[in-house]
Amino acid sequence: MIFLVGAAIEHVYNFVVNNDIQPGNVGTILLADVGVPVVALILILASRRLDKKASALR
């Protein structure tokens, strides 16, 4: 997850500073570099919330 966030920062940096608009720099790859960590974080938080609710029912 940390690697993907770092890669996303690098892609944005290259886009802004070097005007690099190649498909390998911005586009789907940037969306994946940002989207995967966000979805993973949402799933982790949802799992923790469900675990707390399940343990309260026991």
C-alpha atoms as a PDB file:
ATOM      1  CA  MET A   1       0.000   0.000   0.000  1.00  0.00           C
ATOM      2  CA  ILE A   2       2.829   2.408   0.827  1.00  0.00           C
ATOM      3  CA  PHE A   3       4.477   1.664  -2.524  1.00  0.00           C
ATOM      4  CA  LEU A   4       1.295   2.557  -4.425  1.00  0.00           C
ATOM      5  CA  VAL A   5       0.903   5.860  -2.590  1.00  0.00           C
ATOM      6  CA  GLY A   6       4.536   6.711  -3.354  1.00  0.00           C
ATOM      7  CA  ALA A   7       4.044   5.756  -6.991  1.00  0.00           C
ATOM      8  CA  ALA A   8       0.949   7.970  -7.197  1.00  0.00           C
ATOM      9  CA  ILE A   9       2.899  10.916  -5.777  1.00  0.00           C
ATOM     10  CA  GLU A  10       5.648  10.330  -8.346  1.00  0.00           C
ATOM     11  CA  HIS A  11       3.120  10.151 -11.205  1.00  0.00           C
ATOM     12  CA  VAL A  12       1.511  13.434 -10.149  1.00  0.00           C
ATOM     13  CA  TYR A  13       4.948  15.045  -9.730  1.00  0.00           C
ATOM     14  CA  ASN A  14       5.986  13.975 -13.239  1.00  0.00           C
ATOM     15  CA  PHE A  15       2.704  15.246 -14.632  1.00  0.00           C
ATOM     16  CA  VAL A  16       3.004  18.669 -12.985  1.00  0.00           C
ATOM     17  CA  VAL A  17       6.749  19.326 -13.270  1.00  0.00           C
ATOM     18  CA  ASN A  18       7.655  17.531 -16.509  1.00  0.00           C
ATOM     19  CA  ASN A  19       4.250  17.780 -18.224  1.00  0.00           C
ATOM     20  CA  ASP A  20       4.418  13.998 -18.703  1.00  0.00           C
ATOM     21  CA  ILE A  21       1.021  13.034 -20.074  1.00  0.00           C
ATOM     22  CA  GLN A  22       1.966   9.586 -21.353  1.00  0.00           C
ATOM     23  CA  PRO A  23      -0.638   6.855 -20.731  1.00  0.00           C
ATOM     24  CA  GLY A  24       1.861   5.042 -18.484  1.00  0.00           C
ATOM     25  CA  ASN A  25       2.106   8.061 -16.202  1.00  0.00           C
ATOM     26  CA  VAL A  26      -1.422   9.430 -15.934  1.00  0.00           C
ATOM     27  CA  GLY A  27      -4.626   7.626 -16.640  1.00  0.00           C
ATOM     28  CA  THR A  28      -5.521   4.158 -15.495  1.00  0.00           C
ATOM     29  CA  ILE A  29      -2.237   3.544 -13.723  1.00  0.00           C
ATOM     30  CA  LEU A  30      -2.644   6.684 -11.614  1.00  0.00           C
ATOM     31  CA  LEU A  31      -6.221   5.732 -10.833  1.00  0.00           C
ATOM     32  CA  ALA A  32      -5.054   2.282  -9.707  1.00  0.00           C
ATOM     33  CA  ASP A  33      -2.211   3.745  -7.629  1.00  0.00           C
ATOM     34  CA  VAL A  34      -4.712   5.922  -5.769  1.00  0.00           C
ATOM     35  CA  GLY A  35      -7.764   3.660  -5.853  1.00  0.00           C
ATOM     36  CA  VAL A  36      -6.266   0.427  -4.531  1.00  0.00           C
ATOM     37  CA  PRO A  37      -5.000   1.914  -1.236  1.00  0.00           C
ATOM     38  CA  VAL A  38      -8.276   3.802  -0.719  1.00  0.00           C
ATOM     39  CA  VAL A  39     -10.369   0.662  -1.269  1.00  0.00           C
ATOM     40  CA  ALA A  40      -8.028  -1.376   0.950  1.00  0.00           C
ATOM     41  CA  LEU A  41      -8.300   1.198   3.736  1.00  0.00           C
ATOM     42  CA  ILE A  42     -12.101   1.232   3.474  1.00  0.00           C
ATOM     43  CA  LEU A  43     -12.211  -2.571   3.653  1.00  0.00           C
ATOM     44  CA  ILE A  44      -9.847  -2.659   6.653  1.00  0.00           C
ATOM     45  CA  LEU A  45     -11.943  -0.114   8.548  1.00  0.00           C
ATOM     46  CA  ALA A  46     -15.183  -1.933   7.693  1.00  0.00           C
ATOM     47  CA  SER A  47     -13.696  -5.227   8.845  1.00  0.00           C
ATOM     48  CA  ARG A  48     -12.632  -3.737  12.170  1.00  0.00           C
ATOM     49  CA  ARG A  49     -16.078  -2.235  12.689  1.00  0.00           C
ATOM     50  CA  LEU A  50     -17.741  -5.589  11.964  1.00  0.00           C
ATOM     51  CA  ASP A  51     -15.340  -7.390  14.319  1.00  0.00           C
ATOM     52  CA  LYS A  52     -16.251  -5.005  17.138  1.00  0.00           C
ATOM     53  CA  LYS A  53     -19.965  -5.553  16.530  1.00  0.00           C
ATOM     54  CA  ALA A  54     -19.528  -9.339  16.399  1.00  0.00           C
ATOM     55  CA  SER A  55     -17.545  -9.420  19.619  1.00  0.00           C
ATOM     56  CA  ALA A  56     -20.204  -7.312  21.355  1.00  0.00           C
ATOM     57  CA  LEU A  57     -22.831  -9.910  20.458  1.00  0.00           C
ATOM     58  CA  ARG A  58     -20.920 -12.766  22.092  1.00  0.00           C
END
